[in-house]
Amino acid sequence: MRLSLLFPALALLAAASSPAQTFVFKGERWEINDPFTLDNSIPPKPVVDSKKGTVNAIKGSIERTSISGGIEATLTRKLSEVTEVIWPAPSRLREAQANVSRGEPAKALDNIEAVLKFFEPIKNVPGSWWVKASIVKLDALDRLQNDAATAAFLDAFEKEDAAKLPEVATQIQLARLMQRARKGDHEAVIKESTELLAKIESAELQARLHIVKGNSLLAAKKYEAAMTTYLRVPVFFGSETEFIPKALLGAARSFRGMDSPALRDQKLESVSNRYLYDIIVSYPVSKEAEEAKAMLPKEERAKAEADQKKVAAGGPLPEGVIMAKPKLAAEEKVEANK
């Protein structure tokens, strides 16, 4: 079994063209009610079609109604009998990722726990979103900087079959590195992340690792090395949109760290401010945009906010603004376990 952890920014488009939620059994397949699609009642309840299967996690089964010859019957299958899951990216998983990007880790955890709970009984089945949801939970815990909760989750995650997959093992290693960085062990993080970068091919993991390495270089006041590390993300991994604002903010901070009387002619603070401007204009709902606003002088912040409103209203992008690169066609498919 191979897992692809790519989750493109165009997930909404991919999900819209995907087939209905389906569980495959030996010899047949059932359409399944989506527990994340809610009605308009107060409080909202999942939309249920009796002709589709409904998961009963307590019983470990799926039930649906069948009508044959005017006779209604309830059919039951066990979750343990599912051999494949055909399921577009769950809405609450996408919401959780958006929460993480906006700096809302508590909301992200609320959304992602629902996904983890639903897919838990079929977590190792091809097509399940449990592993991807676990990675999103790691991201949310990292945003919270709750090392105790992160360590407990990682300890449990490492015991799962999925942890043997190379990409998942690397994600776990990354999370451990981020914990060490928060404890100030930056030289070790720089060394290990450099070694790991030479071993992986995934664009997502490369982008993540460059951010981790850049953060430790910045903390160690190795500003020029941090700047070049951060800027590799938009240059070489620009389609990994989640990491672009993080990289631009890191680069802006690095340029400010490099600023000195000897380099006054290079106007590095102005260079830094331009990256902050790009974050506000291109990634206005990100956590990094709020941090960029706090770093910019008042007049420049006002200009960035005004330009962002023009772009949001359909106006052209200001010249030179850094935007994420579109995914290549082959990368646009949203995938879970394979």
C-alpha atoms as a PDB file:
ATOM      1  CA  MET A   1       0.000   0.000   0.000  1.00  0.00           C
ATOM      2  CA  ARG A   2       1.358   3.451  -0.960  1.00  0.00           C
ATOM      3  CA  LEU A   3       0.134   6.712   0.446  1.00  0.00           C
ATOM      4  CA  SER A   4       0.164  10.005  -1.386  1.00  0.00           C
ATOM      5  CA  LEU A   5      -0.079  12.977   0.961  1.00  0.00           C
ATOM      6  CA  LEU A   6      -0.509  15.570  -1.755  1.00  0.00           C
ATOM      7  CA  PHE A   7      -3.451  17.828  -1.016  1.00  0.00           C
ATOM      8  CA  PRO A   8      -3.651  20.542  -3.695  1.00  0.00           C
ATOM      9  CA  ALA A   9      -5.211  23.936  -3.271  1.00  0.00           C
ATOM     10  CA  LEU A  10      -7.701  22.911  -5.954  1.00  0.00           C
ATOM     11  CA  ALA A  11      -9.209  20.238  -3.705  1.00  0.00           C
ATOM     12  CA  LEU A  12     -12.657  21.779  -3.976  1.00  0.00           C
ATOM     13  CA  LEU A  13     -12.657  21.370  -7.748  1.00  0.00           C
ATOM     14  CA  ALA A  14     -11.367  17.826  -7.537  1.00  0.00           C
ATOM     15  CA  ALA A  15     -13.948  16.857  -4.949  1.00  0.00           C
ATOM     16  CA  ALA A  16     -16.782  18.290  -7.019  1.00  0.00           C
ATOM     17  CA  SER A  17     -15.988  15.965  -9.910  1.00  0.00           C
ATOM     18  CA  SER A  18     -15.422  12.882  -7.748  1.00  0.00           C
ATOM     19  CA  PRO A  19     -17.860   9.950  -7.482  1.00  0.00           C
ATOM     20  CA  ALA A  20     -20.325   9.597  -4.619  1.00  0.00           C
ATOM     21  CA  GLN A  21     -19.168   8.329  -1.228  1.00  0.00           C
ATOM     22  CA  THR A  22     -18.911   4.570  -1.652  1.00  0.00           C
ATOM     23  CA  PHE A  23     -17.773   1.534   0.332  1.00  0.00           C
ATOM     24  CA  VAL A  24     -16.642  -1.430  -1.728  1.00  0.00           C
ATOM     25  CA  PHE A  25     -17.188  -4.968  -0.460  1.00  0.00           C
ATOM     26  CA  LYS A  26     -16.312  -8.253  -2.062  1.00  0.00           C
ATOM     27  CA  GLY A  27     -18.808  -8.575  -4.907  1.00  0.00           C
ATOM     28  CA  GLU A  28     -20.730  -5.311  -4.388  1.00  0.00           C
ATOM     29  CA  ARG A  29     -20.529  -1.649  -3.477  1.00  0.00           C
ATOM     30  CA  TRP A  30     -22.797   0.609  -1.436  1.00  0.00           C
ATOM     31  CA  GLU A  31     -23.255   4.357  -1.602  1.00  0.00           C
ATOM     32  CA  ILE A  32     -22.844   5.769   1.903  1.00  0.00           C
ATOM     33  CA  ASN A  33     -24.476   8.737   3.606  1.00  0.00           C
ATOM     34  CA  ASP A  34     -21.938  11.499   4.188  1.00  0.00           C
ATOM     35  CA  PRO A  35     -21.940  12.261   7.945  1.00  0.00           C
ATOM     36  CA  PHE A  36     -20.341  15.644   7.219  1.00  0.00           C
ATOM     37  CA  THR A  37     -23.258  16.893   5.094  1.00  0.00           C
ATOM     38  CA  LEU A  38     -25.757  18.526   7.456  1.00  0.00           C
ATOM     39  CA  ASP A  39     -29.358  19.698   7.067  1.00  0.00           C
ATOM     40  CA  ASN A  40     -30.810  23.080   8.078  1.00  0.00           C
ATOM     41  CA  SER A  41     -32.332  21.970  11.373  1.00  0.00           C
ATOM     42  CA  ILE A  42     -31.261  23.415  14.730  1.00  0.00           C
ATOM     43  CA  PRO A  43     -28.970  21.879  15.746  1.00  0.00           C
ATOM     44  CA  PRO A  44     -27.982  20.565  12.292  1.00  0.00           C
ATOM     45  CA  LYS A  45     -28.202  16.823  11.691  1.00  0.00           C
ATOM     46  CA  PRO A  46     -26.537  14.650   9.037  1.00  0.00           C
ATOM     47  CA  VAL A  47     -28.573  14.294   5.858  1.00  0.00           C
ATOM     48  CA  VAL A  48     -29.725  10.666   5.664  1.00  0.00           C
ATOM     49  CA  ASP A  49     -30.986   8.830   2.592  1.00  0.00           C
ATOM     50  CA  SER A  50     -32.399   5.463   3.698  1.00  0.00           C
ATOM     51  CA  LYS A  51     -31.421   3.946   0.352  1.00  0.00           C
ATOM     52  CA  LYS A  52     -27.789   4.666   1.127  1.00  0.00           C
ATOM     53  CA  GLY A  53     -25.744   2.990   3.807  1.00  0.00           C
ATOM     54  CA  THR A  54     -25.443   4.618   7.214  1.00  0.00           C
ATOM     55  CA  VAL A  55     -22.412   3.853   9.357  1.00  0.00           C
ATOM     56  CA  ASN A  56     -23.023   2.714  12.931  1.00  0.00           C
ATOM     57  CA  ALA A  57     -19.611   3.064  14.546  1.00  0.00           C
ATOM     58  CA  ILE A  58     -20.784   1.560  17.855  1.00  0.00           C
ATOM     59  CA  LYS A  59     -21.943  -1.656  16.176  1.00  0.00           C
ATOM     60  CA  GLY A  60     -19.139  -1.573  13.609  1.00  0.00           C
ATOM     61  CA  SER A  61     -21.645  -1.939  10.799  1.00  0.00           C
ATOM     62  CA  ILE A  62     -23.347  -0.235   7.862  1.00  0.00           C
ATOM     63  CA  GLU A  63     -27.105  -0.420   7.376  1.00  0.00           C
ATOM     64  CA  ARG A  64     -29.314   0.526   4.439  1.00  0.00           C
ATOM     65  CA  THR A  65     -32.894  -0.023   3.342  1.00  0.00           C
ATOM     66  CA  SER A  66     -33.703  -2.142   0.291  1.00  0.00           C
ATOM     67  CA  ILE A  67     -37.116  -2.455  -1.371  1.00  0.00           C
ATOM     68  CA  SER A  68     -37.754  -5.512  -3.526  1.00  0.00           C
ATOM     69  CA  GLY A  69     -41.205  -6.553  -4.751  1.00  0.00           C
ATOM     70  CA  GLY A  70     -42.791  -3.960  -2.503  1.00  0.00           C
ATOM     71  CA  ILE A  71     -41.126  -5.453   0.560  1.00  0.00           C
ATOM     72  CA  GLU A  72     -38.800  -3.256   2.594  1.00  0.00           C
ATOM     73  CA  ALA A  73     -35.792  -4.877   4.220  1.00  0.00           C
ATOM     74  CA  THR A  74     -32.821  -3.615   6.204  1.00  0.00           C
ATOM     75  CA  LEU A  75     -29.469  -4.839   4.902  1.00  0.00           C
ATOM     76  CA  THR A  76     -26.371  -4.900   7.083  1.00  0.00           C
ATOM     77  CA  ARG A  77     -22.659  -5.230   6.332  1.00  0.00           C
ATOM     78  CA  LYS A  78     -19.719  -5.107   8.732  1.00  0.00           C
ATOM     79  CA  LEU A  79     -17.154  -2.326   8.529  1.00  0.00           C
ATOM     80  CA  SER A  80     -14.497  -5.021   8.676  1.00  0.00           C
ATOM     81  CA  GLU A  81     -15.756  -6.235   5.283  1.00  0.00           C
ATOM     82  CA  VAL A  82     -14.928  -2.972   3.486  1.00  0.00           C
ATOM     83  CA  THR A  83     -12.152  -3.554   0.932  1.00  0.00           C
ATOM     84  CA  GLU A  84     -11.970  -0.071  -0.596  1.00  0.00           C
ATOM     85  CA  VAL A  85     -13.237   3.435   0.129  1.00  0.00           C
ATOM     86  CA  ILE A  86     -14.201   5.792  -2.694  1.00  0.00           C
ATOM     87  CA  TRP A  87     -14.648   9.147  -0.990  1.00  0.00           C
ATOM     88  CA  PRO A  88     -13.951  12.740  -2.065  1.00  0.00           C
ATOM     89  CA  ALA A  89     -11.924  14.807   0.380  1.00  0.00           C
ATOM     90  CA  PRO A  90     -14.269  15.262   3.392  1.00  0.00           C
ATOM     91  CA  SER A  91     -15.557  18.800   3.859  1.00  0.00           C
ATOM     92  CA  ARG A  92     -14.463  18.934   7.490  1.00  0.00           C
ATOM     93  CA  LEU A  93     -10.942  17.863   6.548  1.00  0.00           C
ATOM     94  CA  ARG A  94     -10.764  20.760   4.088  1.00  0.00           C
ATOM     95  CA  GLU A  95     -12.177  23.077   6.755  1.00  0.00           C
ATOM     96  CA  ALA A  96      -9.544  21.859   9.218  1.00  0.00           C
ATOM     97  CA  GLN A  97      -6.758  22.647   6.769  1.00  0.00           C
ATOM     98  CA  ALA A  98      -8.199  26.113   6.244  1.00  0.00           C
ATOM     99  CA  ASN A  99      -8.380  26.560  10.028  1.00  0.00           C
ATOM    100  CA  VAL A 100      -4.690  25.680  10.348  1.00  0.00           C
ATOM    101  CA  SER A 101      -3.746  28.160   7.616  1.00  0.00           C
ATOM    102  CA  ARG A 102      -5.762  30.902   9.322  1.00  0.00           C
ATOM    103  CA  GLY A 103      -4.119  30.204  12.674  1.00  0.00           C
ATOM    104  CA  GLU A 104      -7.214  28.601  14.220  1.00  0.00           C
ATOM    105  CA  PRO A 105      -5.807  25.330  15.615  1.00  0.00           C
ATOM    106  CA  ALA A 106      -8.607  24.744  18.144  1.00  0.00           C
ATOM    107  CA  LYS A 107     -11.222  24.897  15.376  1.00  0.00           C
ATOM    108  CA  ALA A 108      -9.009  22.675  13.219  1.00  0.00           C
ATOM    109  CA  LEU A 109      -8.881  20.032  15.947  1.00  0.00           C
ATOM    110  CA  ASP A 110     -12.656  20.132  16.339  1.00  0.00           C
ATOM    111  CA  ASN A 111     -13.116  19.533  12.613  1.00  0.00           C
ATOM    112  CA  ILE A 112     -10.414  16.922  12.209  1.00  0.00           C
ATOM    113  CA  GLU A 113     -11.475  14.811  15.201  1.00  0.00           C
ATOM    114  CA  ALA A 114     -14.802  14.173  13.452  1.00  0.00           C
ATOM    115  CA  VAL A 115     -12.950  12.875  10.381  1.00  0.00           C
ATOM    116  CA  LEU A 116     -10.616  10.708  12.453  1.00  0.00           C
ATOM    117  CA  LYS A 117     -13.524   9.202  14.385  1.00  0.00           C
ATOM    118  CA  PHE A 118     -15.456   8.326  11.229  1.00  0.00           C
ATOM    119  CA  PHE A 119     -12.538   6.692   9.401  1.00  0.00           C
ATOM    120  CA  GLU A 120     -10.966   5.026  12.477  1.00  0.00           C
ATOM    121  CA  PRO A 121     -12.605   1.586  11.885  1.00  0.00           C
ATOM    122  CA  ILE A 122     -11.353   1.562   8.268  1.00  0.00           C
ATOM    123  CA  LYS A 123      -8.110   3.494   8.724  1.00  0.00           C
ATOM    124  CA  ASN A 124      -5.947   1.010   6.821  1.00  0.00           C
ATOM    125  CA  VAL A 125      -8.388   0.445   3.952  1.00  0.00           C
ATOM    126  CA  PRO A 126      -7.342   1.900   0.572  1.00  0.00           C
ATOM    127  CA  GLY A 127      -9.126   5.214   0.064  1.00  0.00           C
ATOM    128  CA  SER A 128      -9.521   6.003   3.776  1.00  0.00           C
ATOM    129  CA  TRP A 129      -8.780   9.571   4.869  1.00  0.00           C
ATOM    130  CA  TRP A 130      -7.650   8.612   8.377  1.00  0.00           C
ATOM    131  CA  VAL A 131      -3.922   8.999   7.738  1.00  0.00           C
ATOM    132  CA  LYS A 132      -4.281  12.347   5.977  1.00  0.00           C
ATOM    133  CA  ALA A 133      -6.508  13.548   8.823  1.00  0.00           C
ATOM    134  CA  SER A 134      -3.825  12.480  11.310  1.00  0.00           C
ATOM    135  CA  ILE A 135      -1.265  14.646   9.497  1.00  0.00           C
ATOM    136  CA  VAL A 136      -3.639  17.618   9.637  1.00  0.00           C
ATOM    137  CA  LYS A 137      -4.060  17.001  13.373  1.00  0.00           C
ATOM    138  CA  LEU A 138      -0.281  17.133  13.737  1.00  0.00           C
ATOM    139  CA  ASP A 139      -0.301  20.503  11.970  1.00  0.00           C
ATOM    140  CA  ALA A 140      -2.987  21.802  14.327  1.00  0.00           C
ATOM    141  CA  LEU A 141      -1.120  20.581  17.413  1.00  0.00           C
ATOM    142  CA  ASP A 142       2.036  22.244  16.096  1.00  0.00           C
ATOM    143  CA  ARG A 143       0.145  25.537  15.751  1.00  0.00           C
ATOM    144  CA  LEU A 144      -1.011  25.161  19.365  1.00  0.00           C
ATOM    145  CA  GLN A 145       2.588  24.427  20.428  1.00  0.00           C
ATOM    146  CA  ASN A 146       1.225  21.901  22.901  1.00  0.00           C
ATOM    147  CA  ASP A 147       4.231  19.602  23.100  1.00  0.00           C
ATOM    148  CA  ALA A 148       2.665  17.236  25.632  1.00  0.00           C
ATOM    149  CA  ALA A 149      -0.380  16.610  23.423  1.00  0.00           C
ATOM    150  CA  THR A 150       1.798  16.374  20.319  1.00  0.00           C
ATOM    151  CA  ALA A 151       4.147  13.859  21.932  1.00  0.00           C
ATOM    152  CA  ALA A 152       1.250  11.685  23.108  1.00  0.00           C
ATOM    153  CA  PHE A 153      -0.326  11.721  19.658  1.00  0.00           C
ATOM    154  CA  LEU A 154       2.995  10.940  17.947  1.00  0.00           C
ATOM    155  CA  ASP A 155       3.674   8.034  20.309  1.00  0.00           C
ATOM    156  CA  ALA A 156       0.307   6.511  19.386  1.00  0.00           C
ATOM    157  CA  PHE A 157       0.649   7.344  15.682  1.00  0.00           C
ATOM    158  CA  GLU A 158       4.047   5.632  15.444  1.00  0.00           C
ATOM    159  CA  LYS A 159       2.431   2.330  16.466  1.00  0.00           C
ATOM    160  CA  GLU A 160       0.035   2.384  13.496  1.00  0.00           C
ATOM    161  CA  ASP A 161       0.668   0.385  10.331  1.00  0.00           C
ATOM    162  CA  ALA A 162       0.634   3.641   8.365  1.00  0.00           C
ATOM    163  CA  ALA A 163       3.725   4.836  10.239  1.00  0.00           C
ATOM    164  CA  LYS A 164       5.771   2.318   8.240  1.00  0.00           C
ATOM    165  CA  LEU A 165       5.039   4.196   5.022  1.00  0.00           C
ATOM    166  CA  PRO A 166       8.037   6.374   4.054  1.00  0.00           C
ATOM    167  CA  GLU A 167       6.070   9.617   3.669  1.00  0.00           C
ATOM    168  CA  VAL A 168       4.239   9.141   6.970  1.00  0.00           C
ATOM    169  CA  ALA A 169       7.461   8.233   8.769  1.00  0.00           C
ATOM    170  CA  THR A 170       8.991  11.453   7.439  1.00  0.00           C
ATOM    171  CA  GLN A 171       5.990  13.481   8.638  1.00  0.00           C
ATOM    172  CA  ILE A 172       6.450  12.007  12.111  1.00  0.00           C
ATOM    173  CA  GLN A 173      10.169  12.766  12.022  1.00  0.00           C
ATOM    174  CA  LEU A 174       9.327  16.327  10.994  1.00  0.00           C
ATOM    175  CA  ALA A 175       6.968  16.740  13.927  1.00  0.00           C
ATOM    176  CA  ARG A 176       9.694  15.513  16.283  1.00  0.00           C
ATOM    177  CA  LEU A 177      12.120  18.035  14.767  1.00  0.00           C
ATOM    178  CA  MET A 178       9.648  20.875  15.349  1.00  0.00           C
ATOM    179  CA  GLN A 179       9.340  19.843  18.984  1.00  0.00           C
ATOM    180  CA  ARG A 180      13.123  19.902  19.360  1.00  0.00           C
ATOM    181  CA  ALA A 181      13.270  23.313  17.699  1.00  0.00           C
ATOM    182  CA  ARG A 182      10.825  24.709  20.262  1.00  0.00           C
ATOM    183  CA  LYS A 183      13.153  23.419  22.967  1.00  0.00           C
ATOM    184  CA  GLY A 184      16.033  25.369  21.394  1.00  0.00           C
ATOM    185  CA  ASP A 185      17.999  22.457  19.922  1.00  0.00           C
ATOM    186  CA  HIS A 186      18.482  24.366  16.669  1.00  0.00           C
ATOM    187  CA  GLU A 187      21.908  23.093  15.585  1.00  0.00           C
ATOM    188  CA  ALA A 188      20.689  19.493  15.713  1.00  0.00           C
ATOM    189  CA  VAL A 189      17.505  20.430  13.839  1.00  0.00           C
ATOM    190  CA  ILE A 190      19.523  22.160  11.108  1.00  0.00           C
ATOM    191  CA  LYS A 191      21.800  19.135  10.741  1.00  0.00           C
ATOM    192  CA  GLU A 192      19.016  16.541  10.677  1.00  0.00           C
ATOM    193  CA  SER A 193      16.755  18.509   8.359  1.00  0.00           C
ATOM    194  CA  THR A 194      19.639  19.005   5.915  1.00  0.00           C
ATOM    195  CA  GLU A 195      20.286  15.256   5.887  1.00  0.00           C
ATOM    196  CA  LEU A 196      16.594  14.488   5.463  1.00  0.00           C
ATOM    197  CA  LEU A 197      16.187  16.922   2.559  1.00  0.00           C
ATOM    198  CA  ALA A 198      18.653  14.859   0.544  1.00  0.00           C
ATOM    199  CA  LYS A 199      16.550  11.712   0.989  1.00  0.00           C
ATOM    200  CA  ILE A 200      13.003  12.764   0.101  1.00  0.00           C
ATOM    201  CA  GLU A 201      11.329  13.613  -3.201  1.00  0.00           C
ATOM    202  CA  SER A 202       7.834  14.736  -2.166  1.00  0.00           C
ATOM    203  CA  ALA A 203       7.341  18.446  -2.902  1.00  0.00           C
ATOM    204  CA  GLU A 204       5.123  18.816   0.159  1.00  0.00           C
ATOM    205  CA  LEU A 205       7.708  17.295   2.487  1.00  0.00           C
ATOM    206  CA  GLN A 206      10.504  19.309   0.874  1.00  0.00           C
ATOM    207  CA  ALA A 207       8.532  22.501   1.501  1.00  0.00           C
ATOM    208  CA  ARG A 208       7.793  21.520   5.099  1.00  0.00           C
ATOM    209  CA  LEU A 209      11.421  20.664   5.801  1.00  0.00           C
ATOM    210  CA  HIS A 210      12.701  23.915   4.323  1.00  0.00           C
ATOM    211  CA  ILE A 211      10.387  25.828   6.667  1.00  0.00           C
ATOM    212  CA  VAL A 212      11.594  23.811   9.675  1.00  0.00           C
ATOM    213  CA  LYS A 213      15.243  24.277   8.706  1.00  0.00           C
ATOM    214  CA  GLY A 214      14.729  27.968   7.971  1.00  0.00           C
ATOM    215  CA  ASN A 215      13.088  28.534  11.356  1.00  0.00           C
ATOM    216  CA  SER A 216      16.045  27.022  13.192  1.00  0.00           C
ATOM    217  CA  LEU A 217      18.566  28.951  11.080  1.00  0.00           C
ATOM    218  CA  LEU A 218      16.668  32.152  11.880  1.00  0.00           C
ATOM    219  CA  ALA A 219      16.592  31.321  15.600  1.00  0.00           C
ATOM    220  CA  ALA A 220      20.345  30.650  15.448  1.00  0.00           C
ATOM    221  CA  LYS A 221      20.795  34.119  13.841  1.00  0.00           C
ATOM    222  CA  LYS A 222      22.185  32.618  10.648  1.00  0.00           C
ATOM    223  CA  TYR A 223      20.145  35.121   8.708  1.00  0.00           C
ATOM    224  CA  GLU A 224      21.532  34.780   5.199  1.00  0.00           C
ATOM    225  CA  ALA A 225      21.310  30.976   5.283  1.00  0.00           C
ATOM    226  CA  ALA A 226      17.773  31.244   6.677  1.00  0.00           C
ATOM    227  CA  MET A 227      16.765  33.653   3.898  1.00  0.00           C
ATOM    228  CA  THR A 228      18.004  31.389   1.103  1.00  0.00           C
ATOM    229  CA  THR A 229      16.386  28.353   2.738  1.00  0.00           C
ATOM    230  CA  TYR A 230      12.993  30.037   3.031  1.00  0.00           C
ATOM    231  CA  LEU A 231      13.047  31.372  -0.523  1.00  0.00           C
ATOM    232  CA  ARG A 232      13.613  27.919  -1.974  1.00  0.00           C
ATOM    233  CA  VAL A 233       9.967  27.207  -1.094  1.00  0.00           C
ATOM    234  CA  PRO A 234       8.268  29.699  -3.469  1.00  0.00           C
ATOM    235  CA  VAL A 235      10.971  29.182  -6.112  1.00  0.00           C
ATOM    236  CA  PHE A 236      11.041  25.379  -6.237  1.00  0.00           C
ATOM    237  CA  PHE A 237       7.850  24.296  -4.440  1.00  0.00           C
ATOM    238  CA  GLY A 238       5.500  27.146  -5.275  1.00  0.00           C
ATOM    239  CA  SER A 239       2.528  24.858  -5.857  1.00  0.00           C
ATOM    240  CA  GLU A 240       2.586  23.894  -2.159  1.00  0.00           C
ATOM    241  CA  THR A 241       0.410  26.893  -1.317  1.00  0.00           C
ATOM    242  CA  GLU A 242       0.080  26.173   2.401  1.00  0.00           C
ATOM    243  CA  PHE A 243       3.763  26.912   2.967  1.00  0.00           C
ATOM    244  CA  ILE A 244       4.265  30.028   0.825  1.00  0.00           C
ATOM    245  CA  PRO A 245       3.145  32.608   3.430  1.00  0.00           C
ATOM    246  CA  LYS A 246       5.282  30.880   6.076  1.00  0.00           C
ATOM    247  CA  ALA A 247       8.304  31.044   3.761  1.00  0.00           C
ATOM    248  CA  LEU A 248       7.734  34.691   2.817  1.00  0.00           C
ATOM    249  CA  LEU A 249       7.357  35.710   6.465  1.00  0.00           C
ATOM    250  CA  GLY A 250      10.538  33.829   7.360  1.00  0.00           C
ATOM    251  CA  ALA A 251      12.398  35.513   4.499  1.00  0.00           C
ATOM    252  CA  ALA A 252      11.148  38.943   5.617  1.00  0.00           C
ATOM    253  CA  ARG A 253      12.420  38.320   9.141  1.00  0.00           C
ATOM    254  CA  SER A 254      15.733  37.058   7.775  1.00  0.00           C
ATOM    255  CA  PHE A 255      16.278  40.223   5.725  1.00  0.00           C
ATOM    256  CA  ARG A 256      15.629  42.312   8.823  1.00  0.00           C
ATOM    257  CA  GLY A 257      18.170  40.249  10.720  1.00  0.00           C
ATOM    258  CA  MET A 258      20.729  40.805   7.945  1.00  0.00           C
ATOM    259  CA  ASP A 259      20.211  44.585   7.994  1.00  0.00           C
ATOM    260  CA  SER A 260      23.236  46.451   9.339  1.00  0.00           C
ATOM    261  CA  PRO A 261      25.135  49.726   8.756  1.00  0.00           C
ATOM    262  CA  ALA A 262      27.513  47.868   6.433  1.00  0.00           C
ATOM    263  CA  LEU A 263      24.598  46.778   4.235  1.00  0.00           C
ATOM    264  CA  ARG A 264      22.633  50.030   4.413  1.00  0.00           C
ATOM    265  CA  ASP A 265      22.922  50.623   0.658  1.00  0.00           C
ATOM    266  CA  GLN A 266      21.070  47.359  -0.023  1.00  0.00           C
ATOM    267  CA  LYS A 267      17.955  48.665   1.765  1.00  0.00           C
ATOM    268  CA  LEU A 268      17.189  45.274   3.272  1.00  0.00           C
ATOM    269  CA  GLU A 269      14.352  46.598   5.418  1.00  0.00           C
ATOM    270  CA  SER A 270      12.590  47.706   2.238  1.00  0.00           C
ATOM    271  CA  VAL A 271      13.138  44.247   0.771  1.00  0.00           C
ATOM    272  CA  SER A 272      11.685  42.731   3.934  1.00  0.00           C
ATOM    273  CA  ASN A 273       8.672  45.026   3.762  1.00  0.00           C
ATOM    274  CA  ARG A 274       7.980  43.993   0.184  1.00  0.00           C
ATOM    275  CA  TYR A 275       7.676  40.341   1.250  1.00  0.00           C
ATOM    276  CA  LEU A 276       5.331  41.379   4.056  1.00  0.00           C
ATOM    277  CA  TYR A 277       3.259  43.309   1.509  1.00  0.00           C
ATOM    278  CA  ASP A 278       3.067  40.218  -0.719  1.00  0.00           C
ATOM    279  CA  ILE A 279       1.758  38.103   2.165  1.00  0.00           C
ATOM    280  CA  ILE A 280      -1.014  40.591   2.961  1.00  0.00           C
ATOM    281  CA  VAL A 281      -2.081  40.936  -0.680  1.00  0.00           C
ATOM    282  CA  SER A 282      -1.781  37.276  -1.718  1.00  0.00           C
ATOM    283  CA  TYR A 283      -2.666  35.412   1.508  1.00  0.00           C
ATOM    284  CA  PRO A 284      -4.993  37.788   3.398  1.00  0.00           C
ATOM    285  CA  VAL A 285      -6.711  35.170   5.571  1.00  0.00           C
ATOM    286  CA  SER A 286      -3.509  33.455   6.721  1.00  0.00           C
ATOM    287  CA  LYS A 287      -2.073  33.768  10.206  1.00  0.00           C
ATOM    288  CA  GLU A 288       1.092  35.085   8.570  1.00  0.00           C
ATOM    289  CA  ALA A 289      -0.848  38.018   7.079  1.00  0.00           C
ATOM    290  CA  GLU A 290      -1.768  39.187  10.574  1.00  0.00           C
ATOM    291  CA  GLU A 291       1.863  38.920  11.650  1.00  0.00           C
ATOM    292  CA  ALA A 292       2.967  40.792   8.523  1.00  0.00           C
ATOM    293  CA  LYS A 293       0.561  43.645   9.317  1.00  0.00           C
ATOM    294  CA  ALA A 294       2.066  43.963  12.784  1.00  0.00           C
ATOM    295  CA  MET A 295       5.583  44.200  11.305  1.00  0.00           C
ATOM    296  CA  LEU A 296       4.883  46.767   8.573  1.00  0.00           C
ATOM    297  CA  PRO A 297       5.007  50.521   9.183  1.00  0.00           C
ATOM    298  CA  LYS A 298       1.533  52.059   9.411  1.00  0.00           C
ATOM    299  CA  GLU A 299       1.502  53.702   5.963  1.00  0.00           C
ATOM    300  CA  GLU A 300       2.790  50.616   4.154  1.00  0.00           C
ATOM    301  CA  ARG A 301       0.316  48.406   6.000  1.00  0.00           C
ATOM    302  CA  ALA A 302      -2.549  50.658   4.920  1.00  0.00           C
ATOM    303  CA  LYS A 303      -1.399  50.478   1.296  1.00  0.00           C
ATOM    304  CA  ALA A 304      -1.134  46.675   1.421  1.00  0.00           C
ATOM    305  CA  GLU A 305      -4.618  46.348   2.897  1.00  0.00           C
ATOM    306  CA  ALA A 306      -6.065  48.727   0.299  1.00  0.00           C
ATOM    307  CA  ASP A 307      -4.402  46.842  -2.562  1.00  0.00           C
ATOM    308  CA  GLN A 308      -5.673  43.534  -1.184  1.00  0.00           C
ATOM    309  CA  LYS A 309      -9.236  44.862  -1.193  1.00  0.00           C
ATOM    310  CA  LYS A 310      -8.825  45.884  -4.843  1.00  0.00           C
ATOM    311  CA  VAL A 311      -7.614  42.381  -5.731  1.00  0.00           C
ATOM    312  CA  ALA A 312     -10.490  40.802  -3.784  1.00  0.00           C
ATOM    313  CA  ALA A 313     -12.907  42.968  -5.769  1.00  0.00           C
ATOM    314  CA  GLY A 314     -11.532  41.580  -9.028  1.00  0.00           C
ATOM    315  CA  GLY A 315      -8.794  44.085  -9.728  1.00  0.00           C
ATOM    316  CA  PRO A 316      -5.406  43.144 -11.223  1.00  0.00           C
ATOM    317  CA  LEU A 317      -2.535  41.934  -9.092  1.00  0.00           C
ATOM    318  CA  PRO A 318       0.024  44.625  -8.303  1.00  0.00           C
ATOM    319  CA  GLU A 319       3.208  44.218 -10.312  1.00  0.00           C
ATOM    320  CA  GLY A 320       5.730  41.789  -8.847  1.00  0.00           C
ATOM    321  CA  VAL A 321       3.465  40.213  -6.226  1.00  0.00           C
ATOM    322  CA  ILE A 322       4.489  36.650  -5.405  1.00  0.00           C
ATOM    323  CA  MET A 323       1.637  34.214  -5.904  1.00  0.00           C
ATOM    324  CA  ALA A 324       1.579  30.440  -5.553  1.00  0.00           C
ATOM    325  CA  LYS A 325       2.129  28.471  -8.729  1.00  0.00           C
ATOM    326  CA  PRO A 326      -0.807  26.410 -10.039  1.00  0.00           C
ATOM    327  CA  LYS A 327      -0.646  22.662  -9.687  1.00  0.00           C
ATOM    328  CA  LEU A 328       0.268  20.693 -12.751  1.00  0.00           C
ATOM    329  CA  ALA A 329      -2.601  18.663 -14.199  1.00  0.00           C
ATOM    330  CA  ALA A 330      -1.127  15.397 -12.974  1.00  0.00           C
ATOM    331  CA  GLU A 331      -1.096  16.762  -9.411  1.00  0.00           C
ATOM    332  CA  GLU A 332      -4.681  17.985  -9.284  1.00  0.00           C
ATOM    333  CA  LYS A 333      -6.147  14.702  -8.079  1.00  0.00           C
ATOM    334  CA  VAL A 334      -6.893  14.577  -4.371  1.00  0.00           C
ATOM    335  CA  GLU A 335      -5.840  11.268  -2.896  1.00  0.00           C
ATOM    336  CA  ALA A 336      -6.180   9.334   0.330  1.00  0.00           C
ATOM    337  CA  ASN A 337      -4.715   5.881   1.139  1.00  0.00           C
ATOM    338  CA  LYS A 338      -3.667   3.869  -1.884  1.00  0.00           C
END
